[in-house]
Amino acid sequence: MLVRELLPVGRIGRSGFWLRHVLILPVALFLCISAEQIVGRPFGLAASLATTLFLVSTWGRRLHDRGRSALWLLLAALPVLGALFLVIECGFLDSRPAAERFGTAPGYRTDYVTV
């Protein structure tokens, strides 16, 4: 399950997106800072890399839920407008049903028959 959190595969809903930012991200940032100060620079770099992979995965899966490719994360290279667009797109807009090409919608089970 931990490896799945580091790969931008599948979809997550808006609530899962915000829960990861509120619960996991502060812990990850704390580990980045403490690893570098207590153990040394190589461990801080490893923690920073893991945190970056986690963020790319989270934002990429949320973009998948919106029906967009994870390549849209490149908009973050635009100083203000790119980041603003990504925050609005990922943080405040609902899922799109047309995003089925990225997997089943989060929170829905597909192992039962619907009539």
PDB file of N, CA and C in Angstrom:
ATOM      1  N   MET A   1       0.820  -1.189   0.000  1.00  0.00           N
ATOM      2  CA  MET A   1       0.000   0.000   0.000  1.00  0.00           C
ATOM      3  C   MET A   1       0.867   1.256   0.000  1.00  0.00           C
ATOM      4  N   LEU A   2       1.996   1.217   0.679  1.00  0.00           N
ATOM      5  CA  LEU A   2       2.872   2.383   0.726  1.00  0.00           C
ATOM      6  C   LEU A   2       3.457   2.688  -0.643  1.00  0.00           C
ATOM      7  N   VAL A   3       3.778   1.657  -1.411  1.00  0.00           N
ATOM      8  CA  VAL A   3       4.312   1.872  -2.754  1.00  0.00           C
ATOM      9  C   VAL A   3       3.262   2.520  -3.640  1.00  0.00           C
ATOM     10  N   ARG A   4       2.000   2.156  -3.450  1.00  0.00           N
ATOM     11  CA  ARG A   4       0.919   2.739  -4.248  1.00  0.00           C
ATOM     12  C   ARG A   4       0.803   4.246  -4.000  1.00  0.00           C
ATOM     13  N   GLU A   5       1.137   4.686  -2.814  1.00  0.00           N
ATOM     14  CA  GLU A   5       1.085   6.118  -2.513  1.00  0.00           C
ATOM     15  C   GLU A   5       2.173   6.903  -3.232  1.00  0.00           C
ATOM     16  N   LEU A   6       3.182   6.223  -3.752  1.00  0.00           N
ATOM     17  CA  LEU A   6       4.281   6.906  -4.431  1.00  0.00           C
ATOM     18  C   LEU A   6       4.197   6.803  -5.950  1.00  0.00           C
ATOM     19  N   LEU A   7       3.163   6.158  -6.472  1.00  0.00           N
ATOM     20  CA  LEU A   7       3.010   6.010  -7.918  1.00  0.00           C
ATOM     21  C   LEU A   7       1.763   6.758  -8.379  1.00  0.00           C
ATOM     22  N   PRO A   8       1.873   7.570  -9.427  1.00  0.00           N
ATOM     23  CA  PRO A   8       0.702   8.315  -9.910  1.00  0.00           C
ATOM     24  C   PRO A   8      -0.190   7.465 -10.811  1.00  0.00           C
ATOM     25  N   VAL A   9      -0.715   6.381 -10.251  1.00  0.00           N
ATOM     26  CA  VAL A   9      -1.563   5.461 -11.006  1.00  0.00           C
ATOM     27  C   VAL A   9      -2.916   5.397 -10.318  1.00  0.00           C
ATOM     28  N   GLY A  10      -3.986   5.510 -11.092  1.00  0.00           N
ATOM     29  CA  GLY A  10      -5.328   5.447 -10.536  1.00  0.00           C
ATOM     30  C   GLY A  10      -5.897   6.832 -10.276  1.00  0.00           C
ATOM     31  N   ARG A  11      -6.911   6.855  -9.414  1.00  0.00           N
ATOM     32  CA  ARG A  11      -7.615   8.098  -9.121  1.00  0.00           C
ATOM     33  C   ARG A  11      -7.850   8.227  -7.627  1.00  0.00           C
ATOM     34  N   ILE A  12      -7.921   9.465  -7.146  1.00  0.00           N
ATOM     35  CA  ILE A  12      -8.379   9.737  -5.783  1.00  0.00           C
ATOM     36  C   ILE A  12      -9.366  10.894  -5.848  1.00  0.00           C
ATOM     37  N   GLY A  13     -10.317  10.863  -4.957  1.00  0.00           N
ATOM     38  CA  GLY A  13     -11.312  11.927  -4.882  1.00  0.00           C
ATOM     39  C   GLY A  13     -10.781  13.154  -4.171  1.00  0.00           C
ATOM     40  N   ARG A  14     -11.631  14.153  -4.130  1.00  0.00           N
ATOM     41  CA  ARG A  14     -11.233  15.415  -3.501  1.00  0.00           C
ATOM     42  C   ARG A  14     -10.984  15.248  -2.011  1.00  0.00           C
ATOM     43  N   SER A  15     -11.799  14.445  -1.332  1.00  0.00           N
ATOM     44  CA  SER A  15     -11.597  14.257   0.112  1.00  0.00           C
ATOM     45  C   SER A  15     -10.288  13.510   0.389  1.00  0.00           C
ATOM     46  N   GLY A  16      -9.970  12.505  -0.409  1.00  0.00           N
ATOM     47  CA  GLY A  16      -8.700  11.804  -0.248  1.00  0.00           C
ATOM     48  C   GLY A  16      -7.513  12.711  -0.517  1.00  0.00           C
ATOM     49  N   PHE A  17      -7.669  13.591  -1.489  1.00  0.00           N
ATOM     50  CA  PHE A  17      -6.627  14.563  -1.818  1.00  0.00           C
ATOM     51  C   PHE A  17      -6.336  15.458  -0.617  1.00  0.00           C
ATOM     52  N   TRP A  18      -7.394  16.031  -0.021  1.00  0.00           N
ATOM     53  CA  TRP A  18      -7.202  16.938   1.108  1.00  0.00           C
ATOM     54  C   TRP A  18      -6.749  16.201   2.362  1.00  0.00           C
ATOM     55  N   LEU A  19      -7.238  14.978   2.584  1.00  0.00           N
ATOM     56  CA  LEU A  19      -6.795  14.211   3.742  1.00  0.00           C
ATOM     57  C   LEU A  19      -5.298  13.932   3.681  1.00  0.00           C
ATOM     58  N   ARG A  20      -4.797  13.629   2.506  1.00  0.00           N
ATOM     59  CA  ARG A  20      -3.362  13.388   2.369  1.00  0.00           C
ATOM     60  C   ARG A  20      -2.559  14.660   2.666  1.00  0.00           C
ATOM     61  N   HIS A  21      -3.098  15.811   2.283  1.00  0.00           N
ATOM     62  CA  HIS A  21      -2.385  17.066   2.529  1.00  0.00           C
ATOM     63  C   HIS A  21      -2.458  17.489   4.000  1.00  0.00           C
ATOM     64  N   VAL A  22      -3.539  17.148   4.673  1.00  0.00           N
ATOM     65  CA  VAL A  22      -3.700  17.564   6.062  1.00  0.00           C
ATOM     66  C   VAL A  22      -3.026  16.585   7.023  1.00  0.00           C
ATOM     67  N   LEU A  23      -3.095  15.290   6.731  1.00  0.00           N
ATOM     68  CA  LEU A  23      -2.581  14.297   7.671  1.00  0.00           C
ATOM     69  C   LEU A  23      -1.167  13.815   7.367  1.00  0.00           C
ATOM     70  N   ILE A  24      -0.861  13.538   6.117  1.00  0.00           N
ATOM     71  CA  ILE A  24       0.412  12.908   5.774  1.00  0.00           C
ATOM     72  C   ILE A  24       1.498  13.929   5.462  1.00  0.00           C
ATOM     73  N   LEU A  25       1.157  14.982   4.750  1.00  0.00           N
ATOM     74  CA  LEU A  25       2.165  15.955   4.334  1.00  0.00           C
ATOM     75  C   LEU A  25       2.903  16.623   5.506  1.00  0.00           C
ATOM     76  N   PRO A  26       2.230  17.054   6.572  1.00  0.00           N
ATOM     77  CA  PRO A  26       2.992  17.644   7.690  1.00  0.00           C
ATOM     78  C   PRO A  26       3.986  16.655   8.314  1.00  0.00           C
ATOM     79  N   VAL A  27       3.595  15.393   8.423  1.00  0.00           N
ATOM     80  CA  VAL A  27       4.506  14.379   8.968  1.00  0.00           C
ATOM     81  C   VAL A  27       5.698  14.192   8.039  1.00  0.00           C
ATOM     82  N   ALA A  28       5.429  14.143   6.734  1.00  0.00           N
ATOM     83  CA  ALA A  28       6.511  13.969   5.761  1.00  0.00           C
ATOM     84  C   ALA A  28       7.480  15.157   5.792  1.00  0.00           C
ATOM     85  N   LEU A  29       6.960  16.359   5.892  1.00  0.00           N
ATOM     86  CA  LEU A  29       7.831  17.538   5.966  1.00  0.00           C
ATOM     87  C   LEU A  29       8.643  17.550   7.257  1.00  0.00           C
ATOM     88  N   PHE A  30       8.028  17.136   8.359  1.00  0.00           N
ATOM     89  CA  PHE A  30       8.757  17.036   9.623  1.00  0.00           C
ATOM     90  C   PHE A  30       9.900  16.022   9.501  1.00  0.00           C
ATOM     91  N   LEU A  31       9.626  14.879   8.864  1.00  0.00           N
ATOM     92  CA  LEU A  31      10.669  13.870   8.676  1.00  0.00           C
ATOM     93  C   LEU A  31      11.801  14.382   7.784  1.00  0.00           C
ATOM     94  N   CYS A  32      11.461  15.165   6.778  1.00  0.00           N
ATOM     95  CA  CYS A  32      12.496  15.747   5.906  1.00  0.00           C
ATOM     96  C   CYS A  32      13.442  16.637   6.708  1.00  0.00           C
ATOM     97  N   ILE A  33      12.871  17.504   7.507  1.00  0.00           N
ATOM     98  CA  ILE A  33      13.680  18.445   8.280  1.00  0.00           C
ATOM     99  C   ILE A  33      14.488  17.718   9.341  1.00  0.00           C
ATOM    100  N   SER A  34      13.827  16.803  10.090  1.00  0.00           N
ATOM    101  CA  SER A  34      14.559  16.123  11.158  1.00  0.00           C
ATOM    102  C   SER A  34      15.603  15.179  10.629  1.00  0.00           C
ATOM    103  N   ALA A  35      15.337  14.512   9.507  1.00  0.00           N
ATOM    104  CA  ALA A  35      16.328  13.576   8.969  1.00  0.00           C
ATOM    105  C   ALA A  35      17.601  14.318   8.596  1.00  0.00           C
ATOM    106  N   GLU A  36      17.468  15.484   8.027  1.00  0.00           N
ATOM    107  CA  GLU A  36      18.661  16.229   7.638  1.00  0.00           C
ATOM    108  C   GLU A  36      19.398  16.786   8.857  1.00  0.00           C
ATOM    109  N   GLN A  37      18.671  17.260   9.846  1.00  0.00           N
ATOM    110  CA  GLN A  37      19.321  17.860  11.010  1.00  0.00           C
ATOM    111  C   GLN A  37      19.916  16.813  11.952  1.00  0.00           C
ATOM    112  N   ILE A  38      19.250  15.680  12.115  1.00  0.00           N
ATOM    113  CA  ILE A  38      19.709  14.688  13.085  1.00  0.00           C
ATOM    114  C   ILE A  38      20.693  13.700  12.468  1.00  0.00           C
ATOM    115  N   VAL A  39      20.338  13.133  11.326  1.00  0.00           N
ATOM    116  CA  VAL A  39      21.145  12.060  10.747  1.00  0.00           C
ATOM    117  C   VAL A  39      22.155  12.587   9.741  1.00  0.00           C
ATOM    118  N   GLY A  40      21.743  13.501   8.904  1.00  0.00           N
ATOM    119  CA  GLY A  40      22.666  14.039   7.916  1.00  0.00           C
ATOM    120  C   GLY A  40      22.004  14.275   6.581  1.00  0.00           C
ATOM    121  N   ARG A  41      22.757  14.904   5.705  1.00  0.00           N
ATOM    122  CA  ARG A  41      22.235  15.310   4.417  1.00  0.00           C
ATOM    123  C   ARG A  41      21.750  14.156   3.528  1.00  0.00           C
ATOM    124  N   PRO A  42      22.428  13.014   3.428  1.00  0.00           N
ATOM    125  CA  PRO A  42      21.918  11.957   2.544  1.00  0.00           C
ATOM    126  C   PRO A  42      20.536  11.442   2.953  1.00  0.00           C
ATOM    127  N   PHE A  43      20.280  11.346   4.261  1.00  0.00           N
ATOM    128  CA  PHE A  43      18.972  10.893   4.712  1.00  0.00           C
ATOM    129  C   PHE A  43      17.907  11.963   4.493  1.00  0.00           C
ATOM    130  N   GLY A  44      18.287  13.212   4.641  1.00  0.00           N
ATOM    131  CA  GLY A  44      17.363  14.303   4.346  1.00  0.00           C
ATOM    132  C   GLY A  44      17.001  14.338   2.881  1.00  0.00           C
ATOM    133  N   LEU A  45      17.979  14.055   2.028  1.00  0.00           N
ATOM    134  CA  LEU A  45      17.708  14.002   0.591  1.00  0.00           C
ATOM    135  C   LEU A  45      16.775  12.855   0.248  1.00  0.00           C
ATOM    136  N   ALA A  46      16.959  11.708   0.873  1.00  0.00           N
ATOM    137  CA  ALA A  46      16.079  10.557   0.637  1.00  0.00           C
ATOM    138  C   ALA A  46      14.656  10.861   1.103  1.00  0.00           C
ATOM    139  N   ALA A  47      14.523  11.503   2.255  1.00  0.00           N
ATOM    140  CA  ALA A  47      13.193  11.871   2.761  1.00  0.00           C
ATOM    141  C   ALA A  47      12.540  12.909   1.850  1.00  0.00           C
ATOM    142  N   SER A  48      13.322  13.838   1.340  1.00  0.00           N
ATOM    143  CA  SER A  48      12.776  14.846   0.421  1.00  0.00           C
ATOM    144  C   SER A  48      12.332  14.215  -0.892  1.00  0.00           C
ATOM    145  N   LEU A  49      13.090  13.260  -1.382  1.00  0.00           N
ATOM    146  CA  LEU A  49      12.714  12.555  -2.608  1.00  0.00           C
ATOM    147  C   LEU A  49      11.419  11.784  -2.410  1.00  0.00           C
ATOM    148  N   ALA A  50      11.287  11.097  -1.273  1.00  0.00           N
ATOM    149  CA  ALA A  50      10.055  10.352  -0.985  1.00  0.00           C
ATOM    150  C   ALA A  50       8.860  11.298  -0.863  1.00  0.00           C
ATOM    151  N   THR A  51       9.055  12.453  -0.248  1.00  0.00           N
ATOM    152  CA  THR A  51       7.976  13.432  -0.125  1.00  0.00           C
ATOM    153  C   THR A  51       7.586  13.985  -1.495  1.00  0.00           C
ATOM    154  N   THR A  52       8.564  14.235  -2.346  1.00  0.00           N
ATOM    155  CA  THR A  52       8.278  14.723  -3.695  1.00  0.00           C
ATOM    156  C   THR A  52       7.506  13.681  -4.491  1.00  0.00           C
ATOM    157  N   LEU A  53       7.910  12.420  -4.408  1.00  0.00           N
ATOM    158  CA  LEU A  53       7.178  11.349  -5.096  1.00  0.00           C
ATOM    159  C   LEU A  53       5.754  11.241  -4.577  1.00  0.00           C
ATOM    160  N   PHE A  54       5.582  11.386  -3.270  1.00  0.00           N
ATOM    161  CA  PHE A  54       4.250  11.350  -2.677  1.00  0.00           C
ATOM    162  C   PHE A  54       3.370  12.477  -3.226  1.00  0.00           C
ATOM    163  N   LEU A  55       3.911  13.691  -3.300  1.00  0.00           N
ATOM    164  CA  LEU A  55       3.137  14.832  -3.800  1.00  0.00           C
ATOM    165  C   LEU A  55       2.803  14.683  -5.285  1.00  0.00           C
ATOM    166  N   VAL A  56       3.767  14.250  -6.085  1.00  0.00           N
ATOM    167  CA  VAL A  56       3.501  14.054  -7.517  1.00  0.00           C
ATOM    168  C   VAL A  56       2.429  12.981  -7.696  1.00  0.00           C
ATOM    169  N   SER A  57       2.499  11.923  -6.900  1.00  0.00           N
ATOM    170  CA  SER A  57       1.500  10.863  -6.969  1.00  0.00           C
ATOM    171  C   SER A  57       0.115  11.379  -6.585  1.00  0.00           C
ATOM    172  N   THR A  58       0.043  12.114  -5.489  1.00  0.00           N
ATOM    173  CA  THR A  58      -1.245  12.622  -5.018  1.00  0.00           C
ATOM    174  C   THR A  58      -1.868  13.583  -6.026  1.00  0.00           C
ATOM    175  N   TRP A  59      -1.085  14.537  -6.496  1.00  0.00           N
ATOM    176  CA  TRP A  59      -1.614  15.506  -7.460  1.00  0.00           C
ATOM    177  C   TRP A  59      -1.915  14.836  -8.791  1.00  0.00           C
ATOM    178  N   GLY A  60      -1.079  13.896  -9.218  1.00  0.00           N
ATOM    179  CA  GLY A  60      -1.319  13.192 -10.480  1.00  0.00           C
ATOM    180  C   GLY A  60      -2.590  12.366 -10.434  1.00  0.00           C
ATOM    181  N   ARG A  61      -2.815  11.649  -9.338  1.00  0.00           N
ATOM    182  CA  ARG A  61      -4.043  10.855  -9.234  1.00  0.00           C
ATOM    183  C   ARG A  61      -5.275  11.736  -9.141  1.00  0.00           C
ATOM    184  N   ARG A  62      -5.159  12.891  -8.509  1.00  0.00           N
ATOM    185  CA  ARG A  62      -6.302  13.812  -8.468  1.00  0.00           C
ATOM    186  C   ARG A  62      -6.578  14.388  -9.855  1.00  0.00           C
ATOM    187  N   LEU A  63      -5.524  14.678 -10.613  1.00  0.00           N
ATOM    188  CA  LEU A  63      -5.731  15.130 -11.994  1.00  0.00           C
ATOM    189  C   LEU A  63      -6.373  14.022 -12.821  1.00  0.00           C
ATOM    190  N   HIS A  64      -5.999  12.775 -12.580  1.00  0.00           N
ATOM    191  CA  HIS A  64      -6.648  11.654 -13.269  1.00  0.00           C
ATOM    192  C   HIS A  64      -8.136  11.630 -12.952  1.00  0.00           C
ATOM    193  N   ASP A  65      -8.500  11.904 -11.700  1.00  0.00           N
ATOM    194  CA  ASP A  65      -9.905  11.915 -11.317  1.00  0.00           C
ATOM    195  C   ASP A  65     -10.662  13.038 -12.010  1.00  0.00           C
ATOM    196  N   ARG A  66      -9.960  14.080 -12.377  1.00  0.00           N
ATOM    197  CA  ARG A  66     -10.582  15.187 -13.107  1.00  0.00           C
ATOM    198  C   ARG A  66     -10.580  14.947 -14.616  1.00  0.00           C
ATOM    199  N   GLY A  67      -9.998  13.802 -15.066  1.00  0.00           N
ATOM    200  CA  GLY A  67      -9.980  13.488 -16.489  1.00  0.00           C
ATOM    201  C   GLY A  67      -8.787  14.063 -17.221  1.00  0.00           C
ATOM    202  N   ARG A  68      -7.768  14.461 -16.507  1.00  0.00           N
ATOM    203  CA  ARG A  68      -6.573  15.050 -17.116  1.00  0.00           C
ATOM    204  C   ARG A  68      -5.367  14.157 -16.862  1.00  0.00           C
ATOM    205  N   SER A  69      -4.370  14.298 -17.702  1.00  0.00           N
ATOM    206  CA  SER A  69      -3.127  13.548 -17.542  1.00  0.00           C
ATOM    207  C   SER A  69      -2.284  14.169 -16.439  1.00  0.00           C
ATOM    208  N   ALA A  70      -1.400  13.362 -15.851  1.00  0.00           N
ATOM    209  CA  ALA A  70      -0.500  13.889 -14.816  1.00  0.00           C
ATOM    210  C   ALA A  70       0.511  14.867 -15.400  1.00  0.00           C
ATOM    211  N   LEU A  71       0.649  14.899 -16.703  1.00  0.00           N
ATOM    212  CA  LEU A  71       1.553  15.865 -17.331  1.00  0.00           C
ATOM    213  C   LEU A  71       1.099  17.311 -17.106  1.00  0.00           C
ATOM    214  N   TRP A  72      -0.154  17.489 -16.706  1.00  0.00           N
ATOM    215  CA  TRP A  72      -0.635  18.827 -16.386  1.00  0.00           C
ATOM    216  C   TRP A  72       0.096  19.406 -15.178  1.00  0.00           C
ATOM    217  N   LEU A  73       0.815  18.570 -14.432  1.00  0.00           N
ATOM    218  CA  LEU A  73       1.609  19.072 -13.304  1.00  0.00           C
ATOM    219  C   LEU A  73       2.726  19.998 -13.772  1.00  0.00           C
ATOM    220  N   LEU A  74       3.070  19.918 -15.037  1.00  0.00           N
ATOM    221  CA  LEU A  74       4.097  20.818 -15.572  1.00  0.00           C
ATOM    222  C   LEU A  74       3.652  22.274 -15.540  1.00  0.00           C
ATOM    223  N   LEU A  75       2.343  22.501 -15.363  1.00  0.00           N
ATOM    224  CA  LEU A  75       1.862  23.878 -15.224  1.00  0.00           C
ATOM    225  C   LEU A  75       2.422  24.554 -13.978  1.00  0.00           C
ATOM    226  N   ALA A  76       2.880  23.768 -13.031  1.00  0.00           N
ATOM    227  CA  ALA A  76       3.464  24.343 -11.819  1.00  0.00           C
ATOM    228  C   ALA A  76       4.724  25.142 -12.139  1.00  0.00           C
ATOM    229  N   ALA A  77       5.287  24.946 -13.322  1.00  0.00           N
ATOM    230  CA  ALA A  77       6.463  25.713 -13.734  1.00  0.00           C
ATOM    231  C   ALA A  77       6.104  27.172 -14.029  1.00  0.00           C
ATOM    232  N   LEU A  78       4.834  27.447 -14.335  1.00  0.00           N
ATOM    233  CA  LEU A  78       4.393  28.834 -14.501  1.00  0.00           C
ATOM    234  C   LEU A  78       4.264  29.448 -13.108  1.00  0.00           C
ATOM    235  N   PRO A  79       4.897  30.568 -12.857  1.00  0.00           N
ATOM    236  CA  PRO A  79       5.021  31.065 -11.496  1.00  0.00           C
ATOM    237  C   PRO A  79       3.735  31.158 -10.678  1.00  0.00           C
ATOM    238  N   VAL A  80       2.744  31.876 -11.087  1.00  0.00           N
ATOM    239  CA  VAL A  80       1.561  32.043 -10.253  1.00  0.00           C
ATOM    240  C   VAL A  80       0.341  31.393 -10.879  1.00  0.00           C
ATOM    241  N   LEU A  81       0.129  31.637 -12.148  1.00  0.00           N
ATOM    242  CA  LEU A  81      -1.076  31.144 -12.811  1.00  0.00           C
ATOM    243  C   LEU A  81      -1.135  29.622 -12.873  1.00  0.00           C
ATOM    244  N   GLY A  82      -0.004  28.988 -13.094  1.00  0.00           N
ATOM    245  CA  GLY A  82       0.012  27.529 -13.160  1.00  0.00           C
ATOM    246  C   GLY A  82      -0.370  26.897 -11.832  1.00  0.00           C
ATOM    247  N   ALA A  83       0.231  27.402 -10.761  1.00  0.00           N
ATOM    248  CA  ALA A  83      -0.080  26.873  -9.430  1.00  0.00           C
ATOM    249  C   ALA A  83      -1.530  27.169  -9.044  1.00  0.00           C
ATOM    250  N   LEU A  84      -2.010  28.346  -9.373  1.00  0.00           N
ATOM    251  CA  LEU A  84      -3.396  28.705  -9.081  1.00  0.00           C
ATOM    252  C   LEU A  84      -4.357  27.798  -9.825  1.00  0.00           C
ATOM    253  N   PHE A  85      -4.088  27.539 -11.109  1.00  0.00           N
ATOM    254  CA  PHE A  85      -4.928  26.648 -11.891  1.00  0.00           C
ATOM    255  C   PHE A  85      -4.963  25.248 -11.276  1.00  0.00           C
ATOM    256  N   LEU A  86      -3.794  24.729 -10.876  1.00  0.00           N
ATOM    257  CA  LEU A  86      -3.741  23.383 -10.307  1.00  0.00           C
ATOM    258  C   LEU A  86      -4.480  23.301  -8.976  1.00  0.00           C
ATOM    259  N   VAL A  87      -4.376  24.315  -8.144  1.00  0.00           N
ATOM    260  CA  VAL A  87      -5.080  24.303  -6.862  1.00  0.00           C
ATOM    261  C   VAL A  87      -6.589  24.321  -7.088  1.00  0.00           C
ATOM    262  N   ILE A  88      -7.060  25.137  -8.001  1.00  0.00           N
ATOM    263  CA  ILE A  88      -8.495  25.192  -8.287  1.00  0.00           C
ATOM    264  C   ILE A  88      -8.954  23.880  -8.909  1.00  0.00           C
ATOM    265  N   GLU A  89      -8.211  23.378  -9.883  1.00  0.00           N
ATOM    266  CA  GLU A  89      -8.579  22.154 -10.594  1.00  0.00           C
ATOM    267  C   GLU A  89      -8.612  20.949  -9.659  1.00  0.00           C
ATOM    268  N   CYS A  90      -7.601  20.807  -8.841  1.00  0.00           N
ATOM    269  CA  CYS A  90      -7.494  19.612  -7.985  1.00  0.00           C
ATOM    270  C   CYS A  90      -8.206  19.762  -6.650  1.00  0.00           C
ATOM    271  N   GLY A  91      -8.202  20.941  -6.106  1.00  0.00           N
ATOM    272  CA  GLY A  91      -8.709  21.098  -4.753  1.00  0.00           C
ATOM    273  C   GLY A  91     -10.172  21.427  -4.610  1.00  0.00           C
ATOM    274  N   PHE A  92     -10.780  21.988  -5.646  1.00  0.00           N
ATOM    275  CA  PHE A  92     -12.129  22.495  -5.455  1.00  0.00           C
ATOM    276  C   PHE A  92     -13.162  21.981  -6.450  1.00  0.00           C
ATOM    277  N   LEU A  93     -12.756  21.391  -7.551  1.00  0.00           N
ATOM    278  CA  LEU A  93     -13.710  20.922  -8.552  1.00  0.00           C
ATOM    279  C   LEU A  93     -14.023  19.437  -8.362  1.00  0.00           C
ATOM    280  N   ASP A  94     -15.233  19.045  -8.734  1.00  0.00           N
ATOM    281  CA  ASP A  94     -15.686  17.661  -8.561  1.00  0.00           C
ATOM    282  C   ASP A  94     -15.044  16.719  -9.565  1.00  0.00           C
ATOM    283  N   SER A  95     -15.205  15.427  -9.281  1.00  0.00           N
ATOM    284  CA  SER A  95     -14.716  14.389 -10.190  1.00  0.00           C
ATOM    285  C   SER A  95     -15.505  14.420 -11.489  1.00  0.00           C
ATOM    286  N   ARG A  96     -14.886  13.883 -12.526  1.00  0.00           N
ATOM    287  CA  ARG A  96     -15.559  13.794 -13.824  1.00  0.00           C
ATOM    288  C   ARG A  96     -15.832  12.338 -14.141  1.00  0.00           C
ATOM    289  N   PRO A  97     -17.040  12.024 -14.588  1.00  0.00           N
ATOM    290  CA  PRO A  97     -17.331  10.639 -14.961  1.00  0.00           C
ATOM    291  C   PRO A  97     -16.549  10.200 -16.195  1.00  0.00           C
ATOM    292  N   ALA A  98     -16.113  11.124 -17.009  1.00  0.00           N
ATOM    293  CA  ALA A  98     -15.380  10.783 -18.236  1.00  0.00           C
ATOM    294  C   ALA A  98     -13.944  10.354 -17.951  1.00  0.00           C
ATOM    295  N   ALA A  99     -13.545  10.304 -16.706  1.00  0.00           N
ATOM    296  CA  ALA A  99     -12.168   9.960 -16.350  1.00  0.00           C
ATOM    297  C   ALA A  99     -11.967   8.464 -16.193  1.00  0.00           C
ATOM    298  N   GLU A 100     -12.872   7.646 -16.703  1.00  0.00           N
ATOM    299  CA  GLU A 100     -12.792   6.195 -16.542  1.00  0.00           C
ATOM    300  C   GLU A 100     -11.551   5.597 -17.186  1.00  0.00           C
ATOM    301  N   ARG A 101     -10.902   6.303 -18.097  1.00  0.00           N
ATOM    302  CA  ARG A 101      -9.700   5.753 -18.722  1.00  0.00           C
ATOM    303  C   ARG A 101      -8.549   5.636 -17.736  1.00  0.00           C
ATOM    304  N   PHE A 102      -8.642   6.322 -16.608  1.00  0.00           N
ATOM    305  CA  PHE A 102      -7.606   6.253 -15.584  1.00  0.00           C
ATOM    306  C   PHE A 102      -7.951   5.281 -14.469  1.00  0.00           C
ATOM    307  N   GLY A 103      -9.068   4.579 -14.571  1.00  0.00           N
ATOM    308  CA  GLY A 103      -9.479   3.616 -13.550  1.00  0.00           C
ATOM    309  C   GLY A 103     -10.862   3.936 -13.031  1.00  0.00           C
ATOM    310  N   THR A 104     -11.326   3.083 -12.125  1.00  0.00           N
ATOM    311  CA  THR A 104     -12.660   3.286 -11.573  1.00  0.00           C
ATOM    312  C   THR A 104     -12.659   4.469 -10.623  1.00  0.00           C
ATOM    313  N   ALA A 105     -13.813   5.054 -10.468  1.00  0.00           N
ATOM    314  CA  ALA A 105     -13.948   6.222  -9.595  1.00  0.00           C
ATOM    315  C   ALA A 105     -13.660   5.830  -8.157  1.00  0.00           C
ATOM    316  N   PRO A 106     -13.022   6.699  -7.396  1.00  0.00           N
ATOM    317  CA  PRO A 106     -12.719   6.371  -6.004  1.00  0.00           C
ATOM    318  C   PRO A 106     -13.992   6.226  -5.188  1.00  0.00           C
ATOM    319  N   GLY A 107     -13.999   5.237  -4.316  1.00  0.00           N
ATOM    320  CA  GLY A 107     -15.150   5.031  -3.455  1.00  0.00           C
ATOM    321  C   GLY A 107     -16.198   4.129  -4.043  1.00  0.00           C
ATOM    322  N   TYR A 108     -16.034   3.696  -5.286  1.00  0.00           N
ATOM    323  CA  TYR A 108     -17.001   2.817  -5.904  1.00  0.00           C
ATOM    324  C   TYR A 108     -16.399   1.439  -6.086  1.00  0.00           C
ATOM    325  N   ARG A 109     -17.184   0.432  -5.773  1.00  0.00           N
ATOM    326  CA  ARG A 109     -16.721  -0.943  -5.951  1.00  0.00           C
ATOM    327  C   ARG A 109     -17.295  -1.491  -7.240  1.00  0.00           C
ATOM    328  N   THR A 110     -16.498  -2.274  -7.928  1.00  0.00           N
ATOM    329  CA  THR A 110     -16.953  -2.826  -9.202  1.00  0.00           C
ATOM    330  C   THR A 110     -17.134  -4.330  -9.136  1.00  0.00           C
ATOM    331  N   ASP A 111     -17.141  -4.925  -7.946  1.00  0.00           N
ATOM    332  CA  ASP A 111     -17.222  -6.366  -7.853  1.00  0.00           C
ATOM    333  C   ASP A 111     -18.644  -6.856  -7.598  1.00  0.00           C
ATOM    334  N   TYR A 112     -19.633  -6.014  -7.796  1.00  0.00           N
ATOM    335  CA  TYR A 112     -21.005  -6.444  -7.654  1.00  0.00           C
ATOM    336  C   TYR A 112     -21.772  -6.098  -8.922  1.00  0.00           C
ATOM    337  N   VAL A 113     -22.905  -6.745  -9.078  1.00  0.00           N
ATOM    338  CA  VAL A 113     -23.710  -6.559 -10.284  1.00  0.00           C
ATOM    339  C   VAL A 113     -24.744  -5.469 -10.022  1.00  0.00           C
ATOM    340  N   THR A 114     -24.851  -4.544 -10.938  1.00  0.00           N
ATOM    341  CA  THR A 114     -25.880  -3.511 -10.834  1.00  0.00           C
ATOM    342  C   THR A 114     -26.987  -3.817 -11.825  1.00  0.00           C
ATOM    343  N   VAL A 115     -28.196  -3.570 -11.422  1.00  0.00           N
ATOM    344  CA  VAL A 115     -29.346  -3.867 -12.274  1.00  0.00           C
ATOM    345  C   VAL A 115     -30.060  -2.584 -12.594  1.00  0.00           C
TER     346      VAL A 115
END
